[in-house]
Amino acid sequence: MLISVIIPCFNEAEVIEKTWEKLSEVLTADEQHRDEPYMHELIFVDDGSSDATMAKIKALACQDHHLKYISFSRNFGKEAAMLAGLSYAAGDCVIIMDADLQHPPELIPEMIDGWKDGYDQVIARRNRVGDNKRKTMAAHLYYKIINHIVDVKMTDGIGDFRLLDKKAVAALVSMQEYNRFSKGLFSWIGFKQKIINYENRQRAGGETKWSFKRLLSYGIDGLISFNNKPLRACCVLGFFLVFISLIYILITFIQIIAHGVDVPGYFTLISAVLIIGGVQLISIGVLGEYIGRIYYEVKRRPHFLIQETNIATENKTVSDVRKM
């Protein structure tokens, strides 16, 4: 039995060695204490780091034959890094976790226990103790809104840290959409799931790569990737405005008949123009988001380009991966 652990990395030179040490310690100890021993592989996916992340990974690979690596030709994003890891993983189950130790490796044995009990997804859910209060409130509000809009269920505190059975991995890899939103995909594929709760942790080193701009973009991806309700909302809003406009025209016409032509109101005119113009711009923006995604999908570009790897190509399970 083989357990694969995927660790996407982007400028994590400060913490990468600590992560490897902790993972190796936890996995080696767990292997030795089980009645049915297993082997493991650590797949570090370097997402075009500009620091010494890749150099340190290669140095660690010389010490540890369990360590595999994939290096991208540039930064393609975490979604591409996770897809690359899933595509190259050879394990009977796969664990995805961050490189900054915010995802505690100590949970891995419990995840494996859950998998052996028959669960296809063993999901780690964190609380938000220690997080910025405004960020926590914004996250709660986002999940409350998105779960009323999208076609899949997403839970606050649940991210990418999870164990996936190989059939769940095959399902994820088979979905070759370019605009990937893994939180939604994990929920969409379903399968038997178990949730493990854990205490929130701070980064072991380095700085977060998730700026407000990136979080906003990621949130919009989640909103649009799994439903067409924003398009429908534009249509409904358009009909509503037409209905209100017809009522306004009818009332104005009756007033003209009853009292004659009055001096046209500047305020009424400019308000109507601004409201209708704003709705039109918002609607065009929503359409643009969907058309932009269609544009990227039809080009069928690969999700990532690999500059170098020490993984045998026969492990590859996705057809559009390119190696330079």
Protein backbone atom coordinates (compact mmCIF):
# COMPACT_ATOMS: atom_id res chain seq x y z
CA MET A 1 0.00 0.00 0.00
CA LEU A 2 1.31 3.42 -0.99
CA ILE A 3 0.28 6.78 0.51
CA SER A 4 0.99 9.90 -1.59
CA VAL A 5 1.24 13.33 0.03
CA ILE A 6 1.02 16.36 -2.29
CA ILE A 7 2.56 19.62 -1.09
CA PRO A 8 2.11 22.65 -3.42
CA CYS A 9 4.88 25.22 -2.84
CA PHE A 10 5.36 28.84 -3.83
CA ASN A 11 8.25 30.76 -2.26
CA GLU A 12 8.35 28.54 0.85
CA ALA A 13 12.14 28.37 1.28
CA GLU A 14 11.89 29.43 4.94
CA VAL A 15 9.71 26.51 5.96
CA ILE A 16 10.19 23.72 3.39
CA GLU A 17 12.80 21.82 5.41
CA LYS A 18 10.65 21.94 8.56
CA THR A 19 7.71 20.61 6.58
CA TRP A 20 9.75 17.71 5.18
CA GLU A 21 11.14 16.84 8.61
CA LYS A 22 7.73 16.85 10.26
CA LEU A 23 6.07 14.85 7.49
CA SER A 24 8.85 12.27 7.45
CA GLU A 25 8.70 11.96 11.23
CA VAL A 26 4.92 11.48 11.35
CA LEU A 27 4.71 9.08 8.40
CA THR A 28 7.68 6.95 9.45
CA ALA A 29 6.34 6.58 12.99
CA ASP A 30 2.85 5.74 11.72
CA GLU A 31 4.19 3.14 9.28
CA GLN A 32 6.09 1.36 12.03
CA HIS A 33 3.19 1.18 14.47
CA ARG A 34 0.59 -0.25 12.11
CA ASP A 35 -0.28 -3.91 11.79
CA GLU A 36 -0.39 -3.39 8.02
CA PRO A 37 2.67 -1.27 7.14
CA TYR A 38 2.61 1.02 4.13
CA MET A 39 5.02 3.02 2.02
CA HIS A 40 4.76 6.73 1.34
CA GLU A 41 5.86 9.31 -1.20
CA LEU A 42 6.09 13.07 -0.74
CA ILE A 43 5.36 15.04 -3.91
CA PHE A 44 6.50 18.65 -3.66
CA VAL A 45 5.10 20.75 -6.51
CA ASP A 46 7.07 23.96 -6.98
CA ASP A 47 4.76 26.53 -8.56
CA GLY A 48 7.42 28.70 -10.17
CA SER A 49 9.03 29.95 -6.94
CA SER A 50 11.47 32.85 -7.22
CA ASP A 51 13.38 32.02 -4.03
CA ALA A 52 15.44 28.96 -3.03
CA THR A 53 12.44 26.66 -2.63
CA MET A 54 13.31 24.40 -5.55
CA ALA A 55 17.01 24.22 -4.66
CA LYS A 56 16.13 23.07 -1.16
CA ILE A 57 13.64 20.51 -2.46
CA LYS A 58 16.26 19.00 -4.78
CA ALA A 59 18.78 18.87 -1.93
CA LEU A 60 16.24 17.05 0.25
CA ALA A 61 15.49 14.63 -2.61
CA CYS A 62 19.14 13.54 -2.52
CA GLN A 63 18.68 12.56 1.14
CA ASP A 64 15.23 10.99 0.97
CA HIS A 65 14.19 8.52 -1.74
CA HIS A 66 10.55 9.05 -0.73
CA LEU A 67 10.69 12.66 -1.90
CA LYS A 68 9.50 13.43 -5.43
CA TYR A 69 9.28 16.83 -7.01
CA ILE A 70 7.65 18.64 -9.91
CA SER A 71 8.89 22.07 -10.95
CA PHE A 72 6.76 24.36 -13.14
CA SER A 73 8.22 26.60 -15.84
CA ARG A 74 6.48 29.57 -14.17
CA ASN A 75 3.80 30.33 -11.60
CA PHE A 76 0.56 28.68 -12.73
CA GLY A 77 -1.29 28.89 -9.41
CA LYS A 78 -2.19 26.49 -6.61
CA GLU A 79 -5.02 24.89 -8.58
CA ALA A 80 -2.56 23.81 -11.28
CA ALA A 81 -0.09 22.61 -8.63
CA MET A 82 -2.73 20.40 -7.00
CA LEU A 83 -3.77 19.01 -10.38
CA ALA A 84 -0.15 18.19 -11.22
CA GLY A 85 0.29 16.37 -7.92
CA LEU A 86 -2.93 14.41 -8.39
CA SER A 87 -1.92 13.54 -11.95
CA TYR A 88 1.49 12.17 -10.96
CA ALA A 89 0.58 10.56 -7.62
CA ALA A 90 0.82 6.77 -7.63
CA GLY A 91 -0.69 6.16 -4.18
CA ASP A 92 -3.73 4.12 -3.24
CA CYS A 93 -4.83 7.30 -1.52
CA VAL A 94 -3.60 10.88 -1.78
CA ILE A 95 -3.31 13.59 0.87
CA ILE A 96 -3.18 17.27 -0.10
CA MET A 97 -1.70 19.78 2.34
CA ASP A 98 -0.01 23.18 2.40
CA ALA A 99 3.74 23.62 2.77
CA ASP A 100 3.56 26.13 5.65
CA LEU A 101 2.53 23.62 8.38
CA GLN A 102 -0.81 25.34 8.92
CA HIS A 103 -2.17 21.92 8.01
CA PRO A 104 -0.90 19.73 10.90
CA PRO A 105 0.83 16.53 9.68
CA GLU A 106 -0.20 14.91 12.99
CA LEU A 107 -3.70 14.47 11.51
CA ILE A 108 -2.45 12.16 8.77
CA PRO A 109 -2.67 8.91 10.81
CA GLU A 110 -6.29 9.75 11.72
CA MET A 111 -7.02 10.45 8.06
CA ILE A 112 -5.58 7.09 7.06
CA ASP A 113 -7.71 5.40 9.74
CA GLY A 114 -10.79 7.05 8.25
CA TRP A 115 -9.83 5.88 4.77
CA LYS A 116 -9.37 2.32 6.01
CA ASP A 117 -12.84 2.53 7.55
CA GLY A 118 -14.19 2.95 4.03
CA TYR A 119 -14.34 6.72 3.52
CA ASP A 120 -13.30 8.07 0.10
CA GLN A 121 -12.71 11.60 1.36
CA VAL A 122 -11.39 12.31 4.84
CA ILE A 123 -11.60 16.08 5.21
CA ALA A 124 -9.87 18.28 7.78
CA ARG A 125 -11.94 21.24 9.00
CA ARG A 126 -10.29 24.04 10.97
CA ASN A 127 -11.80 26.57 13.31
CA ARG A 128 -10.87 30.25 12.93
CA VAL A 129 -9.39 30.85 16.37
CA GLY A 130 -6.64 33.46 16.07
CA ASP A 131 -7.73 34.75 12.66
CA ASN A 132 -8.40 38.42 12.00
CA LYS A 133 -11.99 39.17 13.09
CA ARG A 134 -12.86 41.10 9.94
CA LYS A 135 -11.49 38.27 7.79
CA THR A 136 -13.49 35.74 9.82
CA MET A 137 -16.72 37.74 9.46
CA ALA A 138 -16.12 38.16 5.72
CA ALA A 139 -15.54 34.40 5.35
CA HIS A 140 -18.74 33.54 7.25
CA LEU A 141 -20.72 35.98 5.10
CA TYR A 142 -19.16 34.63 1.89
CA TYR A 143 -20.05 31.02 2.68
CA LYS A 144 -23.56 31.99 3.71
CA ILE A 145 -24.10 33.80 0.40
CA ILE A 146 -22.39 31.28 -1.85
CA ASN A 147 -24.32 28.31 -0.45
CA HIS A 148 -27.55 30.03 -1.49
CA ILE A 149 -26.25 30.48 -5.02
CA VAL A 150 -23.98 27.64 -6.13
CA ASP A 151 -25.10 24.11 -6.96
CA VAL A 152 -22.72 22.41 -4.50
CA LYS A 153 -22.42 22.65 -0.73
CA MET A 154 -19.31 24.36 0.70
CA THR A 155 -18.49 24.55 4.40
CA ASP A 156 -16.60 27.30 6.19
CA GLY A 157 -13.27 26.03 7.51
CA ILE A 158 -12.95 23.24 4.94
CA GLY A 159 -10.20 23.74 2.38
CA ASP A 160 -7.76 21.60 0.43
CA PHE A 161 -6.38 19.63 3.39
CA ARG A 162 -7.88 16.19 2.89
CA LEU A 163 -7.29 12.55 2.01
CA LEU A 164 -8.69 11.26 -1.27
CA ASP A 165 -9.14 7.65 -2.32
CA LYS A 166 -7.70 6.80 -5.74
CA LYS A 167 -11.18 6.68 -7.29
CA ALA A 168 -11.84 10.23 -6.05
CA VAL A 169 -8.45 11.26 -7.48
CA ALA A 170 -9.37 9.69 -10.83
CA ALA A 171 -12.66 11.62 -10.84
CA LEU A 172 -10.90 14.93 -10.16
CA VAL A 173 -8.22 14.35 -12.79
CA SER A 174 -10.86 13.39 -15.37
CA MET A 175 -12.40 16.87 -15.13
CA GLN A 176 -10.17 18.85 -17.44
CA GLU A 177 -11.80 22.26 -17.14
CA TYR A 178 -9.27 25.09 -17.31
CA ASN A 179 -10.94 27.32 -14.70
CA ARG A 180 -10.64 25.03 -11.70
CA PHE A 181 -12.14 25.72 -8.27
CA SER A 182 -11.11 22.72 -6.20
CA LYS A 183 -13.30 23.48 -3.18
CA GLY A 184 -16.30 23.12 -5.44
CA LEU A 185 -14.87 20.13 -7.32
CA PHE A 186 -14.20 18.24 -4.07
CA SER A 187 -17.83 18.75 -3.11
CA TRP A 188 -19.17 18.02 -6.59
CA ILE A 189 -17.60 14.55 -6.93
CA GLY A 190 -19.28 13.43 -3.71
CA PHE A 191 -18.26 9.94 -2.50
CA LYS A 192 -18.36 8.86 1.13
CA GLN A 193 -16.94 11.60 3.35
CA LYS A 194 -15.73 12.02 6.93
CA ILE A 195 -14.80 15.32 8.59
CA ILE A 196 -12.04 15.74 11.19
CA ASN A 197 -11.94 18.98 13.18
CA TYR A 198 -8.69 20.61 14.28
CA GLU A 199 -7.44 23.80 15.91
CA ASN A 200 -6.35 26.64 13.65
CA ARG A 201 -2.58 27.08 13.30
CA GLN A 202 -0.38 29.96 12.20
CA ARG A 203 2.28 29.65 9.53
CA ALA A 204 5.56 28.08 10.64
CA GLY A 205 7.48 30.62 8.54
CA GLY A 206 7.31 32.96 5.58
CA GLU A 207 4.37 35.13 4.57
CA THR A 208 0.93 34.32 3.24
CA LYS A 209 0.56 34.48 -0.55
CA TRP A 210 -3.17 35.25 -0.31
CA SER A 211 -3.58 39.00 -0.69
CA PHE A 212 -7.03 40.62 -0.60
CA LYS A 213 -6.99 40.84 -4.39
CA ARG A 214 -6.24 37.12 -4.78
CA LEU A 215 -8.87 36.18 -2.21
CA LEU A 216 -11.45 38.33 -4.01
CA SER A 217 -10.57 36.73 -7.35
CA TYR A 218 -10.77 33.26 -5.79
CA GLY A 219 -14.17 34.10 -4.30
CA ILE A 220 -15.51 35.24 -7.67
CA ASP A 221 -14.23 32.01 -9.24
CA GLY A 222 -16.20 30.03 -6.68
CA LEU A 223 -19.32 32.08 -7.34
CA ILE A 224 -19.23 31.65 -11.11
CA SER A 225 -17.66 28.19 -11.60
CA PHE A 226 -20.59 26.12 -10.36
CA ASN A 227 -23.77 27.82 -11.49
CA ASN A 228 -25.40 30.17 -13.98
CA LYS A 229 -27.54 31.98 -11.41
CA PRO A 230 -25.77 35.35 -11.85
CA LEU A 231 -26.82 35.27 -15.52
CA ARG A 232 -30.37 34.43 -14.50
CA ALA A 233 -30.31 37.21 -11.91
CA CYS A 234 -29.38 39.71 -14.64
CA CYS A 235 -32.35 38.50 -16.69
CA VAL A 236 -34.74 38.74 -13.72
CA LEU A 237 -33.42 42.18 -12.80
CA GLY A 238 -33.91 43.32 -16.38
CA PHE A 239 -37.56 42.20 -16.39
CA PHE A 240 -38.08 43.86 -13.01
CA LEU A 241 -36.72 47.17 -14.28
CA VAL A 242 -38.90 46.96 -17.40
CA PHE A 243 -41.91 46.32 -15.16
CA ILE A 244 -41.07 49.31 -12.91
CA SER A 245 -40.46 51.48 -15.98
CA LEU A 246 -43.86 50.58 -17.45
CA ILE A 247 -45.55 51.49 -14.15
CA TYR A 248 -43.65 54.79 -14.06
CA ILE A 249 -44.64 55.56 -17.67
CA LEU A 250 -48.29 54.73 -16.93
CA ILE A 251 -48.34 56.97 -13.84
CA THR A 252 -46.65 59.81 -15.74
CA PHE A 253 -49.14 59.44 -18.62
CA ILE A 254 -52.11 59.62 -16.22
CA GLN A 255 -50.63 62.75 -14.56
CA ILE A 256 -50.23 64.40 -17.98
CA ILE A 257 -53.87 63.68 -18.83
CA ALA A 258 -55.07 64.96 -15.43
CA HIS A 259 -52.82 68.00 -14.94
CA GLY A 260 -51.24 68.71 -18.29
CA VAL A 261 -47.54 68.71 -19.18
CA ASP A 262 -45.34 69.62 -16.21
CA VAL A 263 -41.75 70.84 -16.26
CA PRO A 264 -39.51 67.74 -16.75
CA GLY A 265 -37.68 66.78 -13.56
CA TYR A 266 -33.91 66.69 -13.87
CA PHE A 267 -33.55 64.54 -10.74
CA THR A 268 -35.96 61.88 -12.03
CA LEU A 269 -34.26 61.76 -15.42
CA ILE A 270 -30.69 61.49 -14.13
CA SER A 271 -31.71 58.91 -11.50
CA ALA A 272 -33.33 56.71 -14.13
CA VAL A 273 -30.30 56.99 -16.41
CA LEU A 274 -27.82 56.18 -13.63
CA ILE A 275 -29.80 53.22 -12.26
CA ILE A 276 -30.46 51.63 -15.63
CA GLY A 277 -26.91 52.37 -16.80
CA GLY A 278 -25.46 50.79 -13.64
CA VAL A 279 -27.59 47.67 -14.04
CA GLN A 280 -26.50 47.38 -17.67
CA LEU A 281 -22.82 47.66 -16.76
CA ILE A 282 -23.17 45.05 -14.00
CA SER A 283 -24.97 42.71 -16.38
CA ILE A 284 -22.31 43.19 -19.04
CA GLY A 285 -19.65 42.48 -16.40
CA VAL A 286 -21.32 39.20 -15.39
CA LEU A 287 -21.60 38.19 -19.04
CA GLY A 288 -17.95 39.10 -19.51
CA GLU A 289 -16.90 36.81 -16.65
CA TYR A 290 -18.66 33.85 -18.22
CA ILE A 291 -17.43 34.66 -21.73
CA GLY A 292 -13.88 35.01 -20.40
CA ARG A 293 -14.06 31.54 -18.93
CA ILE A 294 -15.44 30.14 -22.17
CA TYR A 295 -12.53 31.85 -23.97
CA TYR A 296 -9.96 30.07 -21.80
CA GLU A 297 -11.77 26.73 -22.03
CA VAL A 298 -11.99 26.62 -25.83
CA LYS A 299 -8.27 27.35 -26.27
CA ARG A 300 -7.51 24.02 -24.54
CA ARG A 301 -4.12 25.13 -23.25
CA PRO A 302 -2.39 22.80 -20.77
CA HIS A 303 -2.96 23.58 -17.12
CA PHE A 304 0.78 23.76 -16.46
CA LEU A 305 4.20 23.22 -18.02
CA ILE A 306 6.79 21.14 -16.19
CA GLN A 307 10.39 22.27 -16.29
CA GLU A 308 11.81 19.30 -14.40
CA THR A 309 10.71 16.35 -12.29
CA ASN A 310 12.16 13.17 -10.82
CA ILE A 311 8.89 11.24 -11.22
CA ALA A 312 8.69 8.55 -13.89
CA THR A 313 6.34 9.60 -16.68
CA GLU A 314 4.36 6.36 -16.48
CA ASN A 315 2.75 7.75 -13.31
CA LYS A 316 1.17 10.52 -15.36
CA THR A 317 -2.61 10.19 -15.59
CA VAL A 318 -3.56 13.41 -17.37
CA SER A 319 -3.21 13.79 -21.12
CA ASP A 320 -2.54 17.49 -21.50
CA VAL A 321 0.46 17.85 -19.20
CA ARG A 322 3.53 19.17 -21.04
CA LYS A 323 7.13 18.62 -20.00
CA MET A 324 9.74 21.05 -21.26
